[in-house]
Protein backbone atom coordinates (compact mmCIF):
# COMPACT_ATOMS: atom_id res chain seq x y z
CA UNK A 1 41.28 -7.57 25.71
CA UNK A 2 40.18 -7.93 22.10
CA UNK A 3 41.79 -9.23 18.94
CA UNK A 4 42.91 -6.74 16.39
CA UNK A 5 41.53 -7.86 13.01
CA UNK A 6 43.96 -9.20 10.41
CA UNK A 7 44.89 -6.67 7.77
CA UNK A 8 46.83 -6.53 4.56
CA UNK A 9 50.06 -4.63 4.13
CA UNK A 10 52.18 -4.01 1.04
CA UNK A 11 55.82 -5.17 0.88
CA UNK A 12 58.06 -4.01 -1.95
CA UNK A 13 60.75 -6.35 -3.32
CA UNK A 14 62.58 -6.85 -6.59
CA UNK A 15 59.60 -8.60 -8.14
CA UNK A 16 57.22 -5.75 -7.34
CA UNK A 17 54.61 -5.09 -4.64
CA UNK A 18 53.42 -8.16 -2.73
CA UNK A 19 50.39 -8.40 -0.41
CA UNK A 20 51.24 -9.90 2.96
CA UNK A 21 48.62 -11.02 5.47
CA UNK A 22 49.42 -9.97 9.03
CA UNK A 23 47.88 -12.32 11.62
CA UNK A 24 45.58 -11.07 14.35
CA UNK A 25 47.31 -10.01 17.53
CA UNK A 26 45.85 -9.31 20.95
CA UNK A 27 45.28 -5.64 21.63
CA UNK A 28 44.18 -4.07 24.92
CA UNK A 29 41.23 -1.70 24.50
CA UNK A 30 40.67 0.69 27.39
CA UNK A 31 37.05 1.89 27.19
CA UNK A 32 37.71 4.41 29.95
CA UNK A 33 40.44 6.15 27.93
CA UNK A 34 38.17 6.21 24.88
CA UNK A 35 35.40 7.93 26.80
CA UNK A 36 37.87 10.43 28.27
CA UNK A 37 39.08 11.33 24.79
CA UNK A 38 35.50 11.79 23.63
CA UNK A 39 34.76 13.97 26.62
CA UNK A 40 37.63 16.30 25.74
CA UNK A 41 36.07 16.82 22.32
CA UNK A 42 32.44 16.97 23.44
CA UNK A 43 31.10 17.73 26.90
CA UNK A 44 29.43 14.97 28.88
CA UNK A 45 27.03 14.86 31.81
CA UNK A 46 28.74 15.05 35.16
CA UNK A 47 26.70 12.07 36.35
CA UNK A 48 23.91 9.79 35.26
CA UNK A 49 21.54 11.70 37.55
CA UNK A 50 22.13 14.86 35.52
CA UNK A 51 21.06 13.10 32.34
CA UNK A 52 17.92 11.61 33.90
CA UNK A 53 16.91 14.89 35.57
CA UNK A 54 17.51 16.79 32.32
CA UNK A 55 15.25 14.36 30.45
CA UNK A 56 12.64 14.75 33.17
CA UNK A 57 12.89 18.52 32.90
CA UNK A 58 12.50 18.30 29.12
CA UNK A 59 9.57 15.90 29.16
CA UNK A 60 7.65 16.97 32.27
CA UNK A 61 6.19 20.45 31.98
CA UNK A 62 3.30 22.39 30.53
CA UNK A 63 2.18 19.40 28.49
CA UNK A 64 1.47 17.52 31.72
CA UNK A 65 0.02 20.16 34.02
CA UNK A 66 -2.11 22.06 31.52
CA UNK A 67 -2.63 20.32 28.22
CA UNK A 68 -3.20 16.76 29.45
CA UNK A 69 -6.07 17.56 31.90
CA UNK A 70 -7.73 19.87 29.40
CA UNK A 71 -7.59 17.35 26.55
CA UNK A 72 -8.78 14.59 28.87
CA UNK A 73 -11.86 16.65 29.70
CA UNK A 74 -12.42 17.59 26.09
CA UNK A 75 -12.18 14.01 24.83
CA UNK A 76 -14.18 11.96 27.30
CA UNK A 77 -12.03 11.60 30.42
CA UNK A 78 -11.06 7.94 30.68
CA UNK A 79 -11.80 7.48 26.98
CA UNK A 80 -8.80 9.74 26.37
CA UNK A 81 -6.58 7.96 28.88
CA UNK A 82 -6.90 4.58 27.15
CA UNK A 83 -5.71 5.74 23.68
CA UNK A 84 -2.98 7.77 25.36
CA UNK A 85 -1.71 4.75 27.28
CA UNK A 86 -1.82 2.47 24.24
CA UNK A 87 0.03 5.04 22.11
CA UNK A 88 2.58 5.45 24.90
CA UNK A 89 3.34 1.72 24.74
CA UNK A 90 3.53 1.24 20.95
CA UNK A 91 4.80 4.70 19.91
CA UNK A 92 5.99 6.83 22.84
CA UNK A 93 8.34 4.45 24.64
CA UNK A 94 9.87 2.94 21.45
CA UNK A 95 10.58 6.37 19.99
CA UNK A 96 11.92 7.72 23.28
CA UNK A 97 14.33 4.79 23.52
CA UNK A 98 15.24 5.11 19.84
CA UNK A 99 16.11 8.82 20.02
CA UNK A 100 18.23 8.82 23.19
CA UNK A 101 20.04 5.68 21.97
CA UNK A 102 20.68 7.27 18.58
CA UNK A 103 22.20 10.34 20.20
CA UNK A 104 24.28 8.28 22.62
CA UNK A 105 25.68 6.04 19.88
CA UNK A 106 26.72 8.91 17.60
CA UNK A 107 27.49 11.69 20.12
CA UNK A 108 25.90 14.02 17.57
CA UNK A 109 23.05 16.52 17.60
CA UNK A 110 19.80 16.31 15.59
CA UNK A 111 21.38 17.77 12.44
CA UNK A 112 24.67 15.90 12.30
CA UNK A 113 23.17 12.58 13.40
CA UNK A 114 21.79 12.14 9.91
CA UNK A 115 25.23 11.22 8.64
CA UNK A 116 23.78 7.74 8.97
CA UNK A 117 21.23 8.57 6.25
CA UNK A 118 22.06 11.84 4.46
CA UNK A 119 18.63 12.09 2.83
CA UNK A 120 17.20 12.62 6.30
CA UNK A 121 19.03 15.87 7.01
CA UNK A 122 15.83 17.80 6.39
CA UNK A 123 14.28 15.95 9.32
CA UNK A 124 17.00 17.34 11.58
CA UNK A 125 16.36 20.85 10.27
CA UNK A 126 12.64 20.42 10.94
CA UNK A 127 13.37 19.29 14.50
CA UNK A 128 15.49 22.35 15.16
CA UNK A 129 12.82 24.63 13.69
CA UNK A 130 10.13 23.14 15.94
CA UNK A 131 12.40 23.40 18.97
CA UNK A 132 13.08 27.05 18.15
CA UNK A 133 9.37 27.86 17.95
CA UNK A 134 8.63 26.06 21.20
CA UNK A 135 11.56 27.75 22.97
CA UNK A 136 10.30 31.17 21.88
CA UNK A 137 6.78 30.85 23.21
CA UNK A 138 7.82 28.86 26.30
CA UNK A 139 9.99 31.79 27.32
CA UNK A 140 7.04 34.11 26.79
CA UNK A 141 5.07 31.92 29.19
CA UNK A 142 7.90 32.06 31.71
CA UNK A 143 7.89 35.83 31.34
CA UNK A 144 4.24 35.90 32.35
CA UNK A 145 5.03 33.65 35.29
CA UNK A 146 7.48 36.27 36.49
CA UNK A 147 4.92 39.04 35.92
CA UNK A 148 2.23 37.30 37.97
CA UNK A 149 4.75 36.38 40.61
CA UNK A 150 5.52 40.07 41.04
CA UNK A 151 1.82 40.99 41.19
CA UNK A 152 1.26 38.33 43.85
CA UNK A 153 3.41 40.26 46.33
CA UNK A 154 0.66 42.88 46.66
CA UNK A 155 -1.41 42.81 49.86
CA UNK A 156 -4.46 41.97 47.72
CA UNK A 157 -3.92 40.33 44.37
CA UNK A 158 -5.37 42.63 41.67
CA UNK A 159 -7.68 39.99 40.17
CA UNK A 160 -9.42 39.32 43.51
CA UNK A 161 -11.90 42.12 42.75
CA UNK A 162 -13.02 44.43 39.96
CA UNK A 163 -10.71 47.35 40.80
CA UNK A 164 -11.00 50.53 38.78
CA UNK A 165 -7.26 51.25 38.94
CA UNK A 166 -6.51 48.43 36.50
CA UNK A 167 -9.42 49.29 34.23
CA UNK A 168 -12.20 46.94 35.30
CA UNK A 169 -15.58 47.57 33.69
CA UNK A 170 -18.10 47.32 36.53
CA UNK A 171 -20.90 46.67 34.05
CA UNK A 172 -19.32 43.48 32.73
CA UNK A 173 -16.92 42.43 35.50
CA UNK A 174 -17.79 40.17 38.42
CA UNK A 175 -16.08 38.03 41.05
CA UNK A 176 -17.08 34.43 40.55
CA UNK A 177 -17.13 33.38 44.21
CA UNK A 178 -19.09 36.42 45.26
CA UNK A 179 -22.06 36.42 42.89
CA UNK A 180 -23.56 34.09 40.31
CA UNK A 181 -24.29 35.09 36.74
CA UNK A 182 -28.04 35.15 36.12
CA UNK A 183 -28.11 32.16 33.72
CA UNK A 184 -26.14 30.11 36.27
CA UNK A 185 -28.41 31.17 39.15
CA UNK A 186 -31.55 30.16 37.19
CA UNK A 187 -30.00 26.82 36.20
CA UNK A 188 -29.18 26.12 39.85
CA UNK A 189 -32.76 26.90 40.83
CA UNK A 190 -34.05 24.65 38.05
CA UNK A 191 -31.99 21.70 39.33
CA UNK A 192 -33.35 22.31 42.80
CA UNK A 193 -36.97 21.97 41.67
CA UNK A 194 -36.44 19.55 38.80
CA UNK A 195 -38.02 16.58 40.58
CA UNK A 196 -40.77 18.59 42.31
CA UNK A 197 -42.63 20.17 39.43
CA UNK A 198 -43.56 18.94 35.95
CA UNK A 199 -46.03 19.80 33.24
CA UNK A 200 -48.93 18.13 35.09
CA UNK A 201 -48.51 20.37 38.13
CA UNK A 202 -48.48 23.55 36.07
CA UNK A 203 -52.23 23.97 36.22
CA UNK A 204 -52.64 22.52 39.71
CA UNK A 205 -50.37 24.98 41.49
CA UNK A 206 -50.37 28.74 41.40
CA UNK A 207 -47.26 30.91 41.49
CA UNK A 208 -45.20 28.88 39.04
CA UNK A 209 -43.37 30.29 36.06
CA UNK A 210 -42.03 28.43 33.02
CA UNK A 211 -38.42 29.49 32.40
CA UNK A 212 -36.12 28.68 29.46
CA UNK A 213 -32.70 27.56 30.69
CA UNK A 214 -29.29 28.70 29.52
CA UNK A 215 -28.92 25.91 26.97
CA UNK A 216 -31.89 27.46 25.04
CA UNK A 217 -33.33 23.96 24.57
CA UNK A 218 -34.93 22.98 27.87
CA UNK A 219 -37.27 24.72 30.29
CA UNK A 220 -38.35 24.36 33.91
CA UNK A 221 -41.22 25.28 36.22
CA UNK A 222 -40.02 27.49 39.09
CA UNK A 223 -41.73 29.29 42.00
CA UNK A 224 -42.16 32.91 40.96
CA UNK A 225 -40.99 34.31 44.30
CA UNK A 226 -37.69 32.42 44.26
CA UNK A 227 -37.23 33.12 40.57
CA UNK A 228 -37.47 36.90 41.00
CA UNK A 229 -35.36 36.76 44.15
CA UNK A 230 -32.63 34.97 42.22
CA UNK A 231 -32.78 37.61 39.49
CA UNK A 232 -32.29 40.38 42.06
CA UNK A 233 -29.21 38.73 43.57
CA UNK A 234 -27.45 37.68 40.37
CA UNK A 235 -25.41 39.62 37.84
CA UNK A 236 -25.53 39.95 34.07
CA UNK A 237 -21.80 40.59 33.92
CA UNK A 238 -19.97 38.45 31.37
CA UNK A 239 -16.30 38.40 32.46
CA UNK A 240 -14.56 37.43 35.68
CA UNK A 241 -12.17 39.84 37.38
CA UNK A 242 -9.18 37.62 36.57
CA UNK A 243 -10.12 37.56 32.87
CA UNK A 244 -10.53 41.33 32.64
CA UNK A 245 -7.31 41.93 34.57
CA UNK A 246 -5.49 39.76 32.05
CA UNK A 247 -6.98 41.32 28.94
CA UNK A 248 -7.27 44.94 30.06
CA UNK A 249 -4.25 45.45 32.31
CA UNK A 250 -1.62 42.81 31.61
CA UNK A 251 -2.08 42.62 27.84
CA UNK A 252 -4.09 45.74 27.07
CA UNK A 253 -5.04 43.60 24.12
CA UNK A 254 -5.98 44.98 20.71
CA UNK A 255 -9.02 44.05 18.65
CA UNK A 256 -7.30 41.61 16.29
CA UNK A 257 -4.10 40.32 14.75
CA UNK A 258 -4.16 43.09 12.15
CA UNK A 259 -3.58 45.64 14.96
CA UNK A 260 -0.29 44.70 16.62
CA UNK A 261 -0.32 47.75 18.93
CA UNK A 262 2.67 49.07 20.87
CA UNK A 263 5.27 47.39 23.07
CA UNK A 264 4.28 46.65 26.68
CA UNK A 265 7.55 47.48 28.37
CA UNK A 266 6.74 45.72 31.65
CA UNK A 267 6.15 42.48 29.76
CA UNK A 268 9.26 43.07 27.67
CA UNK A 269 11.29 43.37 30.88
CA UNK A 270 9.88 40.09 32.20
CA UNK A 271 10.65 38.37 28.89
CA UNK A 272 14.21 39.71 29.00
CA UNK A 273 14.71 38.34 32.52
CA UNK A 274 13.32 34.98 31.34
CA UNK A 275 15.84 34.77 28.50
CA UNK A 276 18.66 35.85 30.82
CA UNK A 277 17.83 32.99 33.19
CA UNK A 278 18.01 30.58 30.24
CA UNK A 279 21.36 32.06 29.21
CA UNK A 280 22.82 31.70 32.69
CA UNK A 281 21.69 28.07 32.84
CA UNK A 282 23.24 27.21 29.46
CA UNK A 283 26.30 29.43 29.22
CA UNK A 284 28.66 26.58 30.17
CA UNK A 285 26.79 23.88 28.28
CA UNK A 286 25.97 20.64 30.05
CA UNK A 287 28.37 21.51 32.85
CA UNK A 288 26.03 24.28 34.03
CA UNK A 289 22.65 22.98 32.84
CA UNK A 290 23.37 19.61 34.46
CA UNK A 291 23.62 21.30 37.85
CA UNK A 292 20.55 23.49 37.39
CA UNK A 293 18.25 20.51 36.78
CA UNK A 294 18.75 19.29 40.33
CA UNK A 295 16.36 22.11 41.27
CA UNK A 296 14.30 22.74 38.14
CA UNK A 297 13.36 19.07 37.63
CA UNK A 298 12.55 18.28 41.27
CA UNK A 299 10.93 21.42 42.68
CA UNK A 300 7.79 21.15 40.44
CA UNK A 301 7.12 17.72 41.95
CA UNK A 302 7.16 19.19 45.45
CA UNK A 303 4.55 21.76 44.39
CA UNK A 304 2.53 19.10 42.56
CA UNK A 305 2.45 16.78 45.59
CA UNK A 306 1.34 19.64 47.85
CA UNK A 307 -1.48 20.51 45.44
CA UNK A 308 -2.42 16.83 45.14
CA UNK A 309 -2.84 16.46 48.90
CA UNK A 310 -4.76 19.72 49.08
CA UNK A 311 -7.03 18.78 46.17
CA UNK A 312 -7.92 15.33 47.48
CA UNK A 313 -9.17 16.66 50.82
CA UNK A 314 -11.48 19.25 49.23
CA UNK A 315 -15.22 18.74 49.44
CA UNK A 316 -16.57 17.46 46.15
CA UNK A 317 -13.19 16.17 44.92
CA UNK A 318 -14.82 12.84 44.13
CA UNK A 319 -17.14 14.52 41.62
CA UNK A 320 -14.18 15.75 39.63
CA UNK A 321 -12.28 12.46 39.85
CA UNK A 322 -15.26 10.50 38.54
CA UNK A 323 -15.55 12.94 35.67
CA UNK A 324 -11.83 12.57 34.94
CA UNK A 325 -11.46 8.79 35.27
CA UNK A 326 -14.79 7.29 34.20
CA UNK A 327 -14.68 7.02 30.41
CA UNK A 328 -17.25 7.95 27.82
CA UNK A 329 -16.69 4.86 25.74
CA UNK A 330 -18.57 6.07 22.69
CA UNK A 331 -15.82 8.61 22.09
CA UNK A 332 -13.29 5.84 21.39
CA UNK A 333 -14.86 5.55 17.95
CA UNK A 334 -13.91 9.15 17.19
CA UNK A 335 -10.53 9.42 15.47
CA UNK A 336 -10.11 12.95 16.84
CA UNK A 337 -9.68 11.46 20.34
CA UNK A 338 -6.81 9.30 19.11
CA UNK A 339 -5.36 12.25 17.21
CA UNK A 340 -5.46 14.42 20.33
CA UNK A 341 -3.80 11.62 22.33
CA UNK A 342 -1.00 11.31 19.76
CA UNK A 343 -0.36 15.05 19.68
CA UNK A 344 -0.33 15.22 23.48
CA UNK A 345 2.04 12.27 23.67
CA UNK A 346 4.64 13.98 21.47
CA UNK A 347 4.08 17.35 23.12
CA UNK A 348 4.62 15.85 26.56
CA UNK A 349 7.52 13.45 25.89
CA UNK A 350 9.29 15.96 23.59
CA UNK A 351 9.78 13.20 21.03
CA UNK A 352 10.66 14.20 17.43
CA UNK A 353 11.85 17.65 18.45
CA UNK A 354 15.59 16.91 18.64
CA UNK A 355 16.04 17.46 22.36
CA UNK A 356 16.24 13.80 23.28
CA UNK A 357 18.85 13.12 20.60
CA UNK A 358 20.89 16.03 21.91
CA UNK A 359 20.64 14.92 25.55
CA UNK A 360 21.57 11.37 24.63
CA UNK A 361 24.62 12.62 22.75
CA UNK A 362 26.19 13.81 26.02
CA UNK A 363 26.01 10.33 27.57
CA UNK A 364 28.90 7.97 27.92
CA UNK A 365 28.90 5.48 25.07
CA UNK A 366 28.26 2.34 27.14
CA UNK A 367 25.53 3.82 29.34
CA UNK A 368 22.52 1.47 29.69
CA UNK A 369 20.18 4.03 28.19
CA UNK A 370 17.29 1.57 27.83
CA UNK A 371 16.46 1.70 31.54
CA UNK A 372 16.69 5.49 31.61
CA UNK A 373 14.28 5.82 28.69
CA UNK A 374 11.73 3.48 30.27
CA UNK A 375 11.92 5.28 33.62
CA UNK A 376 11.51 8.81 32.28
CA UNK A 377 8.69 7.97 29.86
CA UNK A 378 6.80 6.16 32.65
CA UNK A 379 7.35 9.04 35.05
CA UNK A 380 5.99 11.45 32.45
CA UNK A 381 2.72 9.48 32.25
CA UNK A 382 2.46 9.31 36.03
CA UNK A 383 2.97 13.07 36.26
CA UNK A 384 0.16 13.65 33.77
CA UNK A 385 -2.18 11.51 35.86
CA UNK A 386 -1.28 13.35 39.05
CA UNK A 387 -1.82 16.72 37.35
CA UNK A 388 -5.21 15.54 36.08
CA UNK A 389 -6.23 14.44 39.57
CA UNK A 390 -5.16 17.80 40.99
CA UNK A 391 -7.10 19.79 38.40
CA UNK A 392 -10.30 17.76 38.45
CA UNK A 393 -10.45 17.50 42.24
CA UNK A 394 -10.51 21.29 42.33
CA UNK A 395 -13.12 21.36 39.58
CA UNK A 396 -15.27 18.99 41.61
CA UNK A 397 -14.95 21.26 44.61
CA UNK A 398 -15.98 24.27 42.55
CA UNK A 399 -18.92 22.32 41.16
CA UNK A 400 -20.20 21.52 44.63
CA UNK A 401 -19.46 24.96 46.02
CA UNK A 402 -21.19 26.81 43.19
CA UNK A 403 -24.01 24.30 42.89
CA UNK A 404 -23.55 23.75 39.16
CA UNK A 405 -22.65 20.77 36.99
CA UNK A 406 -18.95 20.14 36.51
CA UNK A 407 -19.45 20.50 32.74
CA UNK A 408 -20.41 24.13 33.31
CA UNK A 409 -17.45 24.77 35.61
CA UNK A 410 -15.00 23.39 33.06
CA UNK A 411 -16.59 25.10 30.11
CA UNK A 412 -16.57 28.46 31.77
CA UNK A 413 -13.24 28.55 33.47
CA UNK A 414 -10.70 25.78 33.05
CA UNK A 415 -8.14 28.27 31.75
CA UNK A 416 -8.65 30.58 34.70
CA UNK A 417 -8.74 27.71 37.18
CA UNK A 418 -5.52 26.11 36.04
CA UNK A 419 -3.75 29.46 35.78
CA UNK A 420 -4.55 29.94 39.45
CA UNK A 421 -2.61 26.75 40.21
CA UNK A 422 -0.03 26.86 37.46
CA UNK A 423 1.05 30.19 36.06
CA UNK A 424 2.45 28.31 33.09
CA UNK A 425 -1.02 27.66 31.72
CA UNK A 426 -1.20 31.18 30.44
CA UNK A 427 -0.34 29.72 27.05
CA UNK A 428 -4.03 29.97 26.14
CA UNK A 429 -3.75 33.74 26.34
CA UNK A 430 -0.03 34.29 25.79
CA UNK A 431 1.41 36.99 23.63
CA UNK A 432 4.62 38.69 22.85
CA UNK A 433 5.45 42.08 24.25
CA UNK A 434 3.14 43.89 21.84
CA UNK A 435 -0.49 44.49 22.71
CA UNK A 436 -1.66 42.27 19.84
CA UNK A 437 1.09 39.68 20.15
CA UNK A 438 -1.32 37.21 21.74
CA UNK A 439 -2.71 36.37 18.33
CA UNK A 440 0.74 35.66 16.94
CA UNK A 441 1.61 33.33 19.79
CA UNK A 442 -1.68 31.49 19.44
CA UNK A 443 -0.66 30.78 15.84
CA UNK A 444 2.69 29.42 17.01
CA UNK A 445 1.06 27.30 19.70
CA UNK A 446 -1.50 25.89 17.27
CA UNK A 447 0.73 25.21 14.27
CA UNK A 448 4.18 24.94 15.90
CA UNK A 449 3.40 21.48 17.28
CA UNK A 450 0.62 18.99 16.83
CA UNK A 451 0.55 17.69 13.29
CA UNK A 452 4.01 19.04 12.48
CA UNK A 453 5.68 17.00 15.24
CA UNK A 454 3.71 13.89 14.34
CA UNK A 455 4.69 14.22 10.67
CA UNK A 456 8.35 14.63 11.67
CA UNK A 457 8.07 11.49 13.80
CA UNK A 458 6.72 9.50 10.86
CA UNK A 459 9.55 10.72 8.62
CA UNK A 460 12.11 9.96 11.33
CA UNK A 461 10.92 6.39 11.74
CA UNK A 462 10.84 5.75 8.00
CA UNK A 463 14.28 7.31 7.43
CA UNK A 464 15.97 5.38 10.25
CA UNK A 465 14.26 2.01 10.01
CA UNK A 466 13.72 1.82 6.27
CA UNK A 467 16.47 4.11 4.99
CA UNK A 468 19.40 3.47 7.33
CA UNK A 469 17.97 0.03 8.02
CA UNK A 470 16.57 -1.62 11.11
CA UNK A 471 19.26 -4.33 10.99
CA UNK A 472 22.03 -1.75 11.04
CA UNK A 473 20.32 0.15 13.84
CA UNK A 474 19.92 -3.00 15.94
CA UNK A 475 23.56 -3.91 15.24
CA UNK A 476 24.60 -0.49 16.54
CA UNK A 477 22.55 -0.91 19.73
CA UNK A 478 23.93 -4.41 20.30
CA UNK A 479 27.48 -3.07 19.93
CA UNK A 480 26.77 -0.22 22.36
CA UNK A 481 24.52 -1.89 24.95
CA UNK A 482 25.70 -5.50 24.72
CA UNK A 483 22.17 -6.77 24.03
CA UNK A 484 20.09 -6.80 20.88
CA UNK A 485 16.61 -5.19 20.84
CA UNK A 486 13.90 -7.83 21.03
CA UNK A 487 11.07 -8.45 18.60
CA UNK A 488 8.72 -5.95 20.29
CA UNK A 489 11.03 -2.99 19.73
CA UNK A 490 11.83 -4.00 16.16
CA UNK A 491 8.14 -4.47 15.31
CA UNK A 492 7.22 -1.07 16.79
CA UNK A 493 10.04 0.79 15.04
CA UNK A 494 9.66 -0.90 11.69
CA UNK A 495 5.89 -1.27 11.26
CA UNK A 496 3.56 -0.57 14.19
CA UNK A 497 4.55 2.98 15.13
CA UNK A 498 4.56 4.41 11.56
CA UNK A 499 1.23 2.78 10.71
CA UNK A 500 -0.41 3.91 13.95
CA UNK A 501 0.75 7.49 13.44
CA UNK A 502 -0.40 7.56 9.84
CA UNK A 503 -3.84 6.27 10.81
CA UNK A 504 -4.46 8.53 13.80
CA UNK A 505 -3.30 11.59 11.86
CA UNK A 506 -5.11 10.64 8.65
CA UNK A 507 -2.22 12.16 6.73
CA UNK A 508 -3.61 10.79 3.47
CA UNK A 509 -6.94 12.54 3.98
CA UNK A 510 -7.73 16.24 3.60
CA UNK A 511 -8.39 18.40 6.64
CA UNK A 512 -12.03 18.57 7.74
CA UNK A 513 -12.01 22.29 6.96
CA UNK A 514 -11.20 21.63 3.29
CA UNK A 515 -13.85 22.52 0.73
CA UNK A 516 -15.55 25.45 -0.98
CA UNK A 517 -15.70 28.62 1.11
CA UNK A 518 -19.28 29.52 0.15
CA UNK A 519 -21.60 27.81 2.72
CA UNK A 520 -24.28 26.88 0.16
CA UNK A 521 -21.78 25.48 -2.34
CA UNK A 522 -19.96 23.74 0.51
CA UNK A 523 -23.15 21.95 1.53
CA UNK A 524 -23.75 20.81 -2.04
CA UNK A 525 -20.14 19.63 -2.30
CA UNK A 526 -20.31 17.40 0.79
CA UNK A 527 -23.72 16.08 -0.24
CA UNK A 528 -22.32 15.12 -3.62
CA UNK A 529 -19.25 13.63 -1.97
CA UNK A 530 -21.39 11.39 0.26
CA UNK A 531 -23.26 9.83 -2.67
CA UNK A 532 -20.28 9.66 -5.01
CA UNK A 533 -19.03 11.86 -7.82
CA UNK A 534 -19.67 11.37 -11.52
CA UNK A 535 -18.42 13.39 -14.47
CA UNK A 536 -20.27 16.71 -14.14
CA UNK A 537 -21.82 18.57 -16.98
CA UNK A 538 -19.98 21.82 -17.73
CA UNK A 539 -21.69 24.79 -16.12
CA UNK A 540 -21.02 27.90 -18.12
CA UNK A 541 -23.87 30.13 -17.05
CA UNK A 542 -21.98 31.87 -14.29
CA UNK A 543 -18.51 31.98 -15.79
CA UNK A 544 -16.97 35.42 -15.69
CA UNK A 545 -14.24 34.67 -18.21
CA UNK A 546 -15.64 34.39 -21.76
CA UNK A 547 -12.55 32.44 -22.81
CA UNK A 548 -13.70 29.55 -20.62
CA UNK A 549 -17.18 29.31 -22.13
CA UNK A 550 -18.29 26.18 -23.99
CA UNK A 551 -17.17 26.29 -27.56
CA UNK A 552 -14.01 28.25 -26.82
CA UNK A 553 -10.52 26.89 -26.37
CA UNK A 554 -10.40 24.88 -23.17
CA UNK A 555 -7.58 23.20 -21.39
C-alpha cells in the first residue's frame, strides 16, 4: 500500500475558480497487475532463465572461441589477459549492468530508449547499424558451418588430401601431417644439432654444411648427409590441402575485390537456410526465441567441455598452456595491447550494440537485473579462458608432434587449426555468395566493429551520465531495484570508463597509417615530426599550378 500524493483540483463557485488541496489517501498498488498490463503491450520473457540464456547466447560466441585466443597469442599471452581482466572490471561489467538496466527500466529498444536524452538518438541508430552489419556476416559464417557440416558426411573429408576432383594443385598442395615443408624440415634439423656444433667445430669436423634458416637471419652447421636426406623427404609446396580446398573449391575465389565474380549457388543455398533458421527462431518474438536458447546457449558448452578434456590429455598440451598463460610483460607498455583488449571486450560482451538494451526491455520491471549482469559477464570471461586453453593445448600438441616451435605452428596455421575445431572461425576467410565476396566481408569484419563499437560506447556513457544525468539514472535504478548503485558503479559510469576508453583508443590522435603516401616524403614527415615542426619556407620549385607560385595570389 502506498499513499497517493496530494493534488490540486479546481472548484467553481460564485466568486470564481478556487484551488482546493485534496489530502493524500491510501491507494493499493498491485505490481503484478501493472506487469501484466505491460506484458499485453510488449512481450516478456517466459522465465528468468530465458533472459539469462539469451544474454549468454548473445555474449558467448565467436568472440570467445576464435577471436580471444588469437588476440591473446598476438599480444603476449598473459600480457593480454591482464588488460582484458582490468577492462572487464572497470568498463565491461559496469556497461553491461547499465545497458540491461536501462532497457528493463524503460521497456524500450535501443532507438526509443533515448527519449531520456533526445540528443542521443543518433547513438541508437549507430547501434542498430552495427548490429545489422554483424548479423549479416554472422549469418554468412553460419552458412559456411552448414556447408562444412554437409561435406563432413563424406567417407573421407575432402581436405584430408590433395584430391584432383576439387582442383588441388599437386605442385603447391601438401598435407601437413604427412610431410614437412623444406624450410620447416631444415629448421627442425638445426634445432637438433644446435648444441652440438658451433663455429669452432666447423674446421675440426668434415661433412658439415652451413645452412641459412627460414628466418633469413640465422644459420646453423648441419651434417651434410642428414641435410640432403631431409631435402629429399620434404616438400616445397606452399599451401595445405585444407587451405586450397577452401580457396579453390568452396570459394573459387577471384584475384581481388575489383573482380566480384559470379554467384556460388551452393553457398547461396546454405546462406538461405541460415537465414530461414533465424526467421523460425524469431517469428514469434521472445516467445519463440526464449525457447530456442535452451538449446543454442547450452549445447556449445557441452562441445567446449568435451574439447577441453580432449585437449588437456594431449601430449605437449603444457607447451601451449605455458605459451598462453605466461605473460610477456614488456608488451603491457604497448597501447595496441590495451586497444585489442578493449575491442575484444566489446566484441565478446556485445556491449554498445543495442542487443543488451533490447533483451533487458523484455524483463519484468522489478527483476533484480544486477545479479544477472554480473553472472553473464563473468561467465563470458570464463568461456574465453576455456576456449583459449582448448586452442593452445592443441597448438602445444602440434608443436611437439611436428617438432617445431609453437610460434611457427601458430603463425602458419591458427586459422586452419581453429576452423578444424570450430567451423565458426571461418570469419577470417568468409565471403558472400559471390566468388569475390570474401573481400567485402573482410571489410565488414574489420570496420564493422572494433573502433566503431568503442566510439559508440564512449558516446553512450557521455550521453547517459552527463546528458541525462548520473543522479537521474541512479534515482531510476533505486526506484526499480530498491537499492541505489554504490560509489564504484557511479565512478565507473561517470569518469573511469569514458577516460579509459578514450585513452586506450587514442581517439584524439591520428591513426598510425596517417601521413604522406610517398614513402620518401613520409619518412621526412615523421622525422620532422619527431624533432618538432617550425614554420616552413615555401617550396615552389615543384608546384604544378602556376597560380600557387610565390608572388601570385595566395590564400
